[in-house]
Amino acid sequence: MATLVDYWAGDAPTADAEGVEEHAFACESCSRRLAAIANLARGVARVAAIRGGIGMVVTQALLDRLAADGLRMRHYRVHPGETVQCTVGPDDDLSVTYLSADLRDVQRVDVVLHAHGKEWARMDDAPIDRATGQVIYTVGGDLARTFPAITVRVELLAPEREGNARVLGEYTFEHTPFAG
């Protein structure tokens, strides 16, 4: 199943993808599984677009699939120490943030959001892309449109032994409600 998910998401190496494709189209069981994965992804796209939306850490391959399924996204790219002015428009299904960091020697990353001086949300063991040095965080547009003017500080943490964590980056987002 993991191999089929990687193939569907475009994360499988080209040589592996060709073999998976040949097998999936020849094997009725794998063909059904691949169709189920595609249906699940379309369901994720629908959930992301509905009122309330979702907040999650995702891979670029998943974002590419959601875009192919018609989701409209507003993108923000930020490096450690930077502050970003952000908002969400009336037609944005997702707000997508690319958090850049040095992830070369990192095994695990936790994403922690702070607002009003308190931890607001936390995603442990987030997917990371070592090749591009980024973690991608999304918030559903309908949810983000309910946010007042607010400052959100995001931390990328690399958990270490004995409960300690190394800070990989801190990012600040100055959210302004959409006024259009």
Protein backbone atom coordinates (compact mmCIF):
# COMPACT_ATOMS: atom_id res chain seq x y z
CA MET A 1 0.00 0.00 0.00
CA ALA A 2 2.82 2.45 0.88
CA THR A 3 4.38 1.86 -2.54
CA LEU A 4 1.06 2.63 -4.25
CA VAL A 5 0.63 5.82 -2.20
CA ASP A 6 4.15 6.97 -3.15
CA TYR A 7 3.41 6.19 -6.81
CA TRP A 8 0.07 8.03 -6.77
CA ALA A 9 1.55 11.08 -4.98
CA GLY A 10 4.47 11.25 -7.40
CA ASP A 11 7.01 10.51 -4.66
CA ALA A 12 8.30 7.24 -6.16
CA PRO A 13 11.59 7.36 -8.09
CA THR A 14 11.00 7.18 -11.87
CA ALA A 15 12.40 3.65 -12.22
CA ASP A 16 10.20 2.39 -9.37
CA ALA A 17 7.16 4.27 -10.69
CA GLU A 18 7.36 2.53 -14.05
CA GLY A 19 7.42 -0.90 -12.39
CA VAL A 20 4.56 0.00 -10.04
CA GLU A 21 2.51 1.31 -12.95
CA GLU A 22 3.02 -1.85 -15.00
CA HIS A 23 2.10 -4.03 -12.04
CA ALA A 24 -0.90 -1.94 -10.93
CA PHE A 25 -2.49 -2.09 -14.37
CA ALA A 26 -1.90 -5.84 -14.67
CA CYS A 27 -2.96 -6.74 -11.12
CA GLU A 28 -6.68 -6.29 -10.40
CA SER A 29 -6.13 -6.09 -6.63
CA CYS A 30 -3.48 -3.35 -6.89
CA SER A 31 -5.53 -1.53 -9.49
CA ARG A 32 -8.46 -1.41 -7.02
CA ARG A 33 -6.13 -0.22 -4.25
CA LEU A 34 -4.75 2.54 -6.47
CA ALA A 35 -8.30 3.65 -7.31
CA ALA A 36 -9.12 3.70 -3.59
CA ILE A 37 -6.08 5.90 -2.90
CA ALA A 38 -7.22 8.33 -5.62
CA ASN A 39 -10.74 8.39 -4.15
CA LEU A 40 -9.34 9.06 -0.68
CA ALA A 41 -7.28 11.96 -2.02
CA ARG A 42 -10.35 13.47 -3.70
CA GLY A 43 -12.09 13.16 -0.33
CA VAL A 44 -9.21 15.01 1.36
CA ALA A 45 -9.57 17.76 -1.24
CA ARG A 46 -13.29 18.06 -0.49
CA VAL A 47 -12.65 18.17 3.27
CA ALA A 48 -10.01 20.86 2.79
CA ALA A 49 -12.50 23.00 0.88
CA ILE A 50 -15.48 22.69 3.25
CA ARG A 51 -16.39 25.16 5.94
CA GLY A 52 -13.99 24.95 8.84
CA GLY A 53 -11.26 23.53 6.66
CA ILE A 54 -8.28 21.76 8.10
CA GLY A 55 -4.89 22.62 9.48
CA MET A 56 -2.13 20.13 8.80
CA VAL A 57 1.43 19.58 7.71
CA VAL A 58 1.59 18.13 4.19
CA THR A 59 3.99 17.14 1.44
CA GLN A 60 4.47 19.03 -1.82
CA ALA A 61 3.17 16.00 -3.72
CA LEU A 62 -0.11 16.17 -1.79
CA LEU A 63 -0.40 19.91 -2.46
CA ASP A 64 0.19 19.28 -6.16
CA ARG A 65 -2.63 16.72 -6.16
CA LEU A 66 -4.98 19.06 -4.28
CA ALA A 67 -4.22 21.80 -6.82
CA ALA A 68 -4.94 19.33 -9.64
CA ASP A 69 -8.27 18.62 -7.93
CA GLY A 70 -9.09 22.34 -8.17
CA LEU A 71 -8.31 23.71 -4.72
CA ARG A 72 -7.30 27.37 -4.71
CA MET A 73 -4.32 28.18 -2.52
CA ARG A 74 -2.51 31.24 -1.22
CA HIS A 75 1.20 30.57 -0.67
CA TYR A 76 3.68 32.07 1.79
CA ARG A 77 7.41 31.22 1.96
CA VAL A 78 9.38 32.13 5.06
CA HIS A 79 12.90 31.64 6.42
CA PRO A 80 13.93 31.47 10.10
CA GLY A 81 13.69 34.84 11.82
CA GLU A 82 11.47 36.40 9.16
CA THR A 83 8.10 38.07 9.63
CA VAL A 84 5.40 37.65 7.00
CA GLN A 85 2.30 39.78 6.48
CA CYS A 86 -0.50 37.36 5.60
CA THR A 87 -4.22 37.14 4.92
CA VAL A 88 -6.71 34.79 3.27
CA GLY A 89 -8.94 35.87 0.39
CA PRO A 90 -12.60 34.99 -0.10
CA ASP A 91 -11.84 32.30 -2.70
CA ASP A 92 -8.82 30.70 -1.01
CA ASP A 93 -9.47 27.08 -0.04
CA LEU A 94 -6.10 26.75 1.70
CA SER A 95 -3.39 28.99 3.05
CA VAL A 96 -0.08 27.23 2.45
CA THR A 97 3.09 28.13 4.33
CA TYR A 98 6.55 26.83 3.40
CA LEU A 99 8.79 26.95 6.48
CA SER A 100 12.45 26.76 5.43
CA ALA A 101 15.09 25.33 7.76
CA ASP A 102 18.31 23.33 7.78
CA LEU A 103 16.89 19.80 7.99
CA ARG A 104 19.98 17.82 6.89
CA ASP A 105 20.66 16.04 10.20
CA VAL A 106 17.10 16.06 11.51
CA GLN A 107 15.16 12.85 12.09
CA ARG A 108 11.93 14.39 13.42
CA VAL A 109 10.32 17.82 13.39
CA ASP A 110 7.52 19.19 15.52
CA VAL A 111 5.63 22.33 14.46
CA VAL A 112 4.37 24.51 17.31
CA LEU A 113 2.12 27.56 16.84
CA HIS A 114 1.92 30.26 19.52
CA ALA A 115 -0.64 33.06 19.80
CA HIS A 116 -1.15 35.51 22.67
CA GLY A 117 1.96 34.08 24.34
CA LYS A 118 0.53 30.56 24.61
CA GLU A 119 0.84 27.34 22.63
CA TRP A 120 -2.13 27.32 20.28
CA ALA A 121 -1.53 24.21 18.15
CA ARG A 122 1.08 21.50 17.79
CA MET A 123 1.84 18.91 15.11
CA ASP A 124 4.34 16.29 16.21
CA ASP A 125 6.48 14.28 13.80
CA ALA A 126 5.63 16.47 10.80
CA PRO A 127 6.62 15.38 7.29
CA ILE A 128 9.82 17.08 6.19
CA ASP A 129 11.48 17.53 2.82
CA ARG A 130 15.22 17.38 3.42
CA ALA A 131 16.00 18.01 -0.26
CA THR A 132 14.26 21.41 -0.26
CA GLY A 133 14.74 22.10 3.46
CA GLN A 134 11.11 22.79 4.19
CA VAL A 135 8.06 21.86 6.19
CA ILE A 136 4.71 22.75 4.60
CA TYR A 137 1.83 23.79 6.85
CA THR A 138 -1.71 24.43 5.62
CA VAL A 139 -4.81 26.02 7.13
CA GLY A 140 -8.27 25.77 5.60
CA GLY A 141 -9.45 29.06 4.10
CA ASP A 142 -12.79 29.10 5.91
CA LEU A 143 -11.04 28.63 9.24
CA ALA A 144 -8.37 31.27 8.50
CA ARG A 145 -11.04 33.79 7.45
CA THR A 146 -12.38 33.67 11.03
CA PHE A 147 -9.05 34.80 12.49
CA PRO A 148 -8.90 38.35 13.83
CA ALA A 149 -5.80 40.50 13.37
CA ILE A 150 -3.30 38.34 15.19
CA THR A 151 0.40 37.62 15.50
CA VAL A 152 1.29 33.94 15.30
CA ARG A 153 4.77 32.70 16.11
CA VAL A 154 5.69 29.31 14.68
CA GLU A 155 8.55 27.15 15.92
CA LEU A 156 10.13 24.19 14.15
CA LEU A 157 11.61 21.91 16.79
CA ALA A 158 13.85 18.86 16.47
CA PRO A 159 13.06 16.63 19.47
CA GLU A 160 16.15 15.18 21.12
CA ARG A 161 16.83 12.79 23.96
CA GLU A 162 15.51 13.35 27.46
CA GLY A 163 12.62 15.55 26.31
CA ASN A 164 14.78 18.39 25.02
CA ALA A 165 14.22 19.97 21.61
CA ARG A 166 16.53 21.97 19.37
CA VAL A 167 14.94 25.04 17.74
CA LEU A 168 15.38 24.83 13.96
CA GLY A 169 13.59 28.06 13.21
CA GLU A 170 11.16 30.66 14.49
CA TYR A 171 8.80 32.46 12.13
CA THR A 172 6.32 35.27 12.75
CA PHE A 173 3.05 35.75 10.88
CA GLU A 174 1.15 39.03 11.11
CA HIS A 175 -2.33 37.99 10.01
CA THR A 176 -4.71 40.67 8.77
CA PRO A 177 -8.34 39.74 8.17
CA PHE A 178 -9.30 39.99 4.52
CA ALA A 179 -11.10 43.27 3.88
CA GLY A 180 -12.34 42.76 0.33
